[in-house]
């Protein structure tokens, strides 16, 4: 068996602990680097995504434009509906006049005999 002094033993233990601490710190540093790289990648993805976002001013302007166009379409629809109703009114008037004329002719014919 090898005889070592207490001093040598304590120095060896301290040396091994420092080596273990160094290894642990090295491992921790590598892990921090890996995590930072992953976070930097996520930050880049977020920056890229945010670049494609529409600003509030642009959004509000587009919504206002769409509201205006929608209102114009509603007005056009109402105008077209009103115009489509006019021929029906005219046809009703013509049918009524023809009915009155035929009634008058029928009454005149009845009293003539």
N, C-alpha and C. Protein backbone atom coordinates (compact mmCIF):
# COMPACT_ATOMS: atom_id res chain seq x y z
N UNK A 1 0.82 -1.16 0.00
CA UNK A 1 0.00 0.00 0.00
C UNK A 1 0.88 1.24 0.00
N UNK A 2 0.43 2.26 -0.72
CA UNK A 2 1.23 3.47 -0.76
C UNK A 2 0.91 4.37 0.43
N UNK A 3 1.96 4.82 0.98
CA UNK A 3 1.77 5.74 2.10
C UNK A 3 1.85 7.16 1.58
N UNK A 4 0.82 7.91 1.90
CA UNK A 4 0.84 9.33 1.55
C UNK A 4 0.59 10.11 2.83
N UNK A 5 1.11 11.25 2.84
CA UNK A 5 0.93 12.07 4.03
C UNK A 5 -0.44 12.71 3.99
N UNK A 6 -0.86 13.17 5.15
CA UNK A 6 -2.14 13.85 5.25
C UNK A 6 -2.17 15.09 4.37
N UNK A 7 -1.08 15.78 4.35
CA UNK A 7 -0.98 16.99 3.53
C UNK A 7 -1.18 16.65 2.04
N UNK A 8 -0.50 15.59 1.58
CA UNK A 8 -0.64 15.18 0.18
C UNK A 8 -2.09 14.78 -0.11
N UNK A 9 -2.69 14.09 0.84
CA UNK A 9 -4.09 13.68 0.66
C UNK A 9 -5.00 14.89 0.54
N UNK A 10 -4.85 15.86 1.44
CA UNK A 10 -5.69 17.07 1.41
C UNK A 10 -5.45 17.86 0.12
N UNK A 11 -4.19 17.96 -0.29
CA UNK A 11 -3.88 18.66 -1.54
C UNK A 11 -4.52 17.96 -2.73
N UNK A 12 -4.49 16.64 -2.72
CA UNK A 12 -5.09 15.87 -3.82
C UNK A 12 -6.61 16.07 -3.83
N UNK A 13 -7.24 16.05 -2.65
CA UNK A 13 -8.69 16.25 -2.56
C UNK A 13 -9.05 17.65 -3.06
N UNK A 14 -8.27 18.65 -2.61
CA UNK A 14 -8.53 20.04 -3.04
C UNK A 14 -8.35 20.15 -4.55
N UNK A 15 -7.30 19.53 -5.06
CA UNK A 15 -7.05 19.55 -6.50
C UNK A 15 -8.21 18.92 -7.27
N UNK A 16 -8.71 17.80 -6.78
CA UNK A 16 -9.84 17.12 -7.44
C UNK A 16 -11.11 17.97 -7.37
N UNK A 17 -11.31 18.64 -6.22
CA UNK A 17 -12.50 19.51 -6.09
C UNK A 17 -12.41 20.67 -7.05
N UNK A 18 -11.24 21.29 -7.15
CA UNK A 18 -11.08 22.40 -8.10
C UNK A 18 -11.28 21.94 -9.53
N UNK A 19 -10.76 20.77 -9.82
CA UNK A 19 -10.97 20.20 -11.17
C UNK A 19 -12.45 19.97 -11.42
N UNK A 20 -13.16 19.44 -10.43
CA UNK A 20 -14.60 19.21 -10.56
C UNK A 20 -15.34 20.53 -10.73
N UNK A 21 -14.93 21.55 -9.96
CA UNK A 21 -15.56 22.87 -10.10
C UNK A 21 -15.30 23.44 -11.50
N UNK A 22 -14.07 23.31 -11.97
CA UNK A 22 -13.73 23.78 -13.31
C UNK A 22 -14.57 23.07 -14.38
N UNK A 23 -14.68 21.76 -14.23
CA UNK A 23 -15.49 20.99 -15.18
C UNK A 23 -16.96 21.43 -15.13
N UNK A 24 -17.46 21.64 -13.91
CA UNK A 24 -18.86 22.06 -13.75
C UNK A 24 -19.07 23.44 -14.35
N UNK A 25 -18.15 24.36 -14.10
CA UNK A 25 -18.26 25.70 -14.67
C UNK A 25 -18.17 25.67 -16.19
N UNK A 26 -17.30 24.84 -16.72
CA UNK A 26 -17.17 24.70 -18.17
C UNK A 26 -18.47 24.16 -18.77
N UNK A 27 -19.01 23.14 -18.12
CA UNK A 27 -20.27 22.57 -18.58
C UNK A 27 -21.40 23.59 -18.50
N UNK A 28 -21.43 24.36 -17.40
CA UNK A 28 -22.45 25.38 -17.23
C UNK A 28 -22.30 26.46 -18.30
N UNK A 29 -21.08 26.86 -18.59
CA UNK A 29 -20.83 27.87 -19.62
C UNK A 29 -21.30 27.38 -20.98
N UNK A 30 -21.04 26.13 -21.30
CA UNK A 30 -21.51 25.57 -22.58
C UNK A 30 -23.03 25.56 -22.64
N UNK A 31 -23.66 25.20 -21.53
CA UNK A 31 -25.13 25.18 -21.48
C UNK A 31 -25.71 26.59 -21.64
N UNK A 32 -25.09 27.57 -20.98
CA UNK A 32 -25.54 28.96 -21.13
C UNK A 32 -25.39 29.42 -22.58
N UNK A 33 -24.30 29.05 -23.20
CA UNK A 33 -24.07 29.42 -24.60
C UNK A 33 -25.13 28.79 -25.49
N UNK A 34 -25.42 27.52 -25.25
CA UNK A 34 -26.45 26.84 -26.05
C UNK A 34 -27.81 27.52 -25.87
N UNK A 35 -28.16 27.84 -24.64
CA UNK A 35 -29.45 28.48 -24.38
C UNK A 35 -29.52 29.88 -25.00
N UNK A 36 -28.43 30.62 -24.90
CA UNK A 36 -28.41 31.96 -25.49
C UNK A 36 -28.55 31.90 -27.00
N UNK A 37 -27.90 30.93 -27.62
CA UNK A 37 -28.04 30.77 -29.07
C UNK A 37 -29.48 30.44 -29.44
N UNK A 38 -30.11 29.58 -28.63
CA UNK A 38 -31.52 29.25 -28.89
C UNK A 38 -32.39 30.48 -28.72
N UNK A 39 -32.13 31.27 -27.67
CA UNK A 39 -32.91 32.49 -27.45
C UNK A 39 -32.67 33.51 -28.55
N UNK A 40 -31.44 33.63 -29.00
CA UNK A 40 -31.14 34.56 -30.09
C UNK A 40 -31.87 34.13 -31.36
N UNK A 41 -31.95 32.84 -31.58
CA UNK A 41 -32.70 32.34 -32.74
C UNK A 41 -34.18 32.69 -32.63
N UNK A 42 -34.72 32.54 -31.43
CA UNK A 42 -36.13 32.90 -31.22
C UNK A 42 -36.34 34.40 -31.38
N UNK A 43 -35.40 35.18 -30.88
CA UNK A 43 -35.50 36.63 -31.02
C UNK A 43 -35.49 37.01 -32.50
N UNK A 44 -34.67 36.35 -33.28
CA UNK A 44 -34.62 36.62 -34.73
C UNK A 44 -35.94 36.25 -35.39
N UNK A 45 -36.51 35.10 -34.98
CA UNK A 45 -37.81 34.70 -35.53
C UNK A 45 -38.88 35.73 -35.20
N UNK A 46 -38.89 36.19 -33.94
CA UNK A 46 -39.87 37.20 -33.53
C UNK A 46 -39.69 38.50 -34.31
N UNK A 47 -38.45 38.90 -34.50
CA UNK A 47 -38.18 40.12 -35.27
C UNK A 47 -38.68 39.98 -36.69
N UNK A 48 -38.46 38.82 -37.29
CA UNK A 48 -38.93 38.57 -38.65
C UNK A 48 -40.46 38.59 -38.71
N UNK A 49 -41.09 37.96 -37.72
CA UNK A 49 -42.55 37.95 -37.68
C UNK A 49 -43.10 39.36 -37.51
N UNK A 50 -42.51 40.13 -36.62
CA UNK A 50 -43.01 41.47 -36.35
C UNK A 50 -42.84 42.38 -37.56
N UNK A 51 -41.87 42.09 -38.40
CA UNK A 51 -41.68 42.89 -39.60
C UNK A 51 -42.86 42.74 -40.56
N UNK A 52 -43.57 41.62 -40.46
CA UNK A 52 -44.70 41.40 -41.36
C UNK A 52 -46.02 41.89 -40.77
N UNK A 53 -46.00 42.39 -39.55
CA UNK A 53 -47.22 42.89 -38.93
C UNK A 53 -47.64 44.20 -39.58
N UNK A 54 -48.94 44.43 -39.58
CA UNK A 54 -49.48 45.68 -40.10
C UNK A 54 -49.58 46.66 -38.94
N UNK A 55 -49.11 47.87 -39.17
CA UNK A 55 -49.16 48.89 -38.14
C UNK A 55 -50.60 49.32 -37.86
N UNK A 56 -50.81 49.88 -36.70
CA UNK A 56 -52.16 50.31 -36.28
C UNK A 56 -52.73 51.36 -37.23
N UNK A 57 -51.89 52.29 -37.68
CA UNK A 57 -52.36 53.35 -38.58
C UNK A 57 -52.84 52.76 -39.90
N UNK A 58 -52.06 51.83 -40.44
CA UNK A 58 -52.42 51.19 -41.71
C UNK A 58 -53.71 50.39 -41.54
N UNK A 59 -53.80 49.66 -40.44
CA UNK A 59 -55.00 48.86 -40.16
C UNK A 59 -56.23 49.75 -40.08
N UNK A 60 -56.13 50.83 -39.30
CA UNK A 60 -57.27 51.73 -39.15
C UNK A 60 -57.67 52.36 -40.48
N UNK A 61 -56.68 52.74 -41.29
CA UNK A 61 -56.98 53.33 -42.60
C UNK A 61 -57.69 52.33 -43.51
N UNK A 62 -57.23 51.08 -43.50
CA UNK A 62 -57.86 50.05 -44.34
C UNK A 62 -59.28 49.76 -43.87
N UNK A 63 -59.49 49.70 -42.56
CA UNK A 63 -60.83 49.45 -42.03
C UNK A 63 -61.76 50.59 -42.42
N UNK A 64 -61.27 51.82 -42.33
CA UNK A 64 -62.08 52.99 -42.71
C UNK A 64 -62.44 52.92 -44.20
N UNK A 65 -61.46 52.54 -45.01
CA UNK A 65 -61.69 52.39 -46.46
C UNK A 65 -62.74 51.30 -46.73
N UNK A 66 -62.62 50.18 -46.04
CA UNK A 66 -63.59 49.09 -46.22
C UNK A 66 -64.98 49.50 -45.75
N UNK A 67 -65.06 50.26 -44.67
CA UNK A 67 -66.36 50.75 -44.20
C UNK A 67 -67.00 51.67 -45.24
N UNK A 68 -66.19 52.53 -45.83
CA UNK A 68 -66.69 53.44 -46.86
C UNK A 68 -67.21 52.65 -48.07
N UNK A 69 -66.43 51.67 -48.51
CA UNK A 69 -66.86 50.86 -49.65
C UNK A 69 -68.12 50.06 -49.33
N UNK A 70 -68.22 49.56 -48.12
CA UNK A 70 -69.41 48.82 -47.71
C UNK A 70 -70.63 49.71 -47.73
N UNK A 71 -70.49 50.93 -47.22
CA UNK A 71 -71.61 51.87 -47.23
C UNK A 71 -72.02 52.23 -48.66
N UNK A 72 -71.03 52.41 -49.54
CA UNK A 72 -71.34 52.70 -50.94
C UNK A 72 -72.10 51.53 -51.57
N UNK A 73 -71.70 50.32 -51.27
CA UNK A 73 -72.40 49.15 -51.81
C UNK A 73 -73.84 49.07 -51.28
N UNK A 74 -74.02 49.39 -50.02
CA UNK A 74 -75.38 49.39 -49.46
C UNK A 74 -76.26 50.41 -50.16
N UNK A 75 -75.71 51.60 -50.39
CA UNK A 75 -76.48 52.64 -51.07
C UNK A 75 -76.80 52.21 -52.49
N UNK A 76 -75.82 51.63 -53.19
CA UNK A 76 -76.06 51.16 -54.56
C UNK A 76 -77.14 50.08 -54.58
N UNK A 77 -77.11 49.21 -53.62
CA UNK A 77 -78.12 48.15 -53.54
C UNK A 77 -79.50 48.75 -53.34
N UNK A 78 -79.60 49.73 -52.45
CA UNK A 78 -80.90 50.37 -52.21
C UNK A 78 -81.40 51.09 -53.46
N UNK A 79 -80.49 51.77 -54.17
CA UNK A 79 -80.88 52.47 -55.40
C UNK A 79 -81.37 51.47 -56.44
N UNK A 80 -80.63 50.36 -56.59
CA UNK A 80 -81.04 49.34 -57.56
C UNK A 80 -82.37 48.70 -57.17
N UNK A 81 -82.57 48.50 -55.89
CA UNK A 81 -83.84 47.92 -55.44
C UNK A 81 -84.98 48.88 -55.73
N UNK A 82 -84.74 50.17 -55.53
CA UNK A 82 -85.78 51.17 -55.81
C UNK A 82 -86.08 51.23 -57.31
N UNK A 83 -85.01 51.16 -58.12
CA UNK A 83 -85.22 51.20 -59.57
C UNK A 83 -85.94 49.95 -60.05
N UNK A 84 -85.67 48.83 -59.46
CA UNK A 84 -86.34 47.59 -59.85
C UNK A 84 -87.80 47.65 -59.48
N UNK A 85 -88.17 48.41 -58.46
CA UNK A 85 -89.56 48.54 -58.03
C UNK A 85 -90.37 49.44 -58.94
N UNK A 86 -89.73 50.38 -59.64
CA UNK A 86 -90.43 51.33 -60.51
C UNK A 86 -91.17 50.63 -61.65
N UNK A 87 -90.58 49.72 -62.36
CA UNK A 87 -91.33 49.04 -63.43
C UNK A 87 -92.56 48.30 -62.91
N UNK A 88 -92.45 47.75 -61.74
CA UNK A 88 -93.61 47.04 -61.17
C UNK A 88 -94.75 48.02 -60.89
N UNK A 89 -94.40 49.22 -60.44
CA UNK A 89 -95.43 50.25 -60.19
C UNK A 89 -96.08 50.66 -61.52
N UNK A 90 -95.27 50.84 -62.53
CA UNK A 90 -95.80 51.24 -63.85
C UNK A 90 -96.72 50.15 -64.39
N UNK A 91 -96.29 48.89 -64.27
CA UNK A 91 -97.11 47.78 -64.75
C UNK A 91 -98.43 47.75 -63.98
N UNK A 92 -98.38 48.00 -62.70
CA UNK A 92 -99.61 48.02 -61.90
C UNK A 92 -100.54 49.14 -62.36
N UNK A 93 -99.97 50.31 -62.62
CA UNK A 93 -100.79 51.43 -63.11
C UNK A 93 -101.42 51.11 -64.46
N UNK A 94 -100.63 50.56 -65.36
CA UNK A 94 -101.15 50.22 -66.69
C UNK A 94 -102.26 49.17 -66.57
N UNK A 95 -102.06 48.18 -65.75
CA UNK A 95 -103.09 47.15 -65.57
C UNK A 95 -104.36 47.76 -64.98
N UNK A 96 -104.21 48.68 -64.06
CA UNK A 96 -105.38 49.34 -63.47
C UNK A 96 -106.13 50.16 -64.51
N UNK A 97 -105.39 50.91 -65.31
CA UNK A 97 -106.03 51.74 -66.35
C UNK A 97 -106.75 50.84 -67.35
N UNK A 98 -106.12 49.75 -67.76
CA UNK A 98 -106.78 48.82 -68.70
C UNK A 98 -108.04 48.25 -68.07
N UNK A 99 -107.96 47.90 -66.79
CA UNK A 99 -109.14 47.37 -66.09
C UNK A 99 -110.26 48.39 -66.03
N UNK A 100 -109.93 49.64 -65.76
CA UNK A 100 -110.96 50.70 -65.71
C UNK A 100 -111.57 50.91 -67.09
N UNK A 101 -110.71 50.95 -68.11
CA UNK A 101 -111.22 51.15 -69.48
C UNK A 101 -112.14 50.00 -69.85
N UNK A 102 -111.75 48.77 -69.54
CA UNK A 102 -112.61 47.62 -69.87
C UNK A 102 -113.93 47.68 -69.09
N UNK A 103 -113.86 48.13 -67.86
CA UNK A 103 -115.09 48.27 -67.06
C UNK A 103 -116.01 49.31 -67.66
N UNK A 104 -115.46 50.41 -68.08
CA UNK A 104 -116.28 51.46 -68.70
C UNK A 104 -116.90 50.95 -69.99
N UNK A 105 -116.13 50.24 -70.79
CA UNK A 105 -116.66 49.69 -72.05
C UNK A 105 -117.79 48.71 -71.74
N UNK A 106 -117.58 47.85 -70.72
CA UNK A 106 -118.61 46.87 -70.36
C UNK A 106 -119.87 47.58 -69.89
N UNK A 107 -119.76 48.64 -69.09
CA UNK A 107 -120.93 49.37 -68.61
C UNK A 107 -121.62 50.09 -69.79
N UNK A 108 -120.83 50.68 -70.65
CA UNK A 108 -121.41 51.38 -71.81
C UNK A 108 -122.15 50.39 -72.69
N UNK A 109 -121.58 49.22 -72.87
CA UNK A 109 -122.24 48.20 -73.72
C UNK A 109 -123.53 47.74 -73.06
N UNK A 110 -123.54 47.62 -71.76
CA UNK A 110 -124.72 47.15 -71.03
C UNK A 110 -125.86 48.18 -71.16
N UNK A 111 -125.54 49.46 -71.02
CA UNK A 111 -126.58 50.47 -71.10
C UNK A 111 -127.00 50.76 -72.53
N UNK A 112 -126.20 50.41 -73.47
CA UNK A 112 -126.52 50.65 -74.88
C UNK A 112 -127.56 49.66 -75.36
N UNK A 113 -127.72 48.56 -74.77
CA UNK A 113 -128.68 47.56 -75.24
C UNK A 113 -129.94 47.67 -74.55
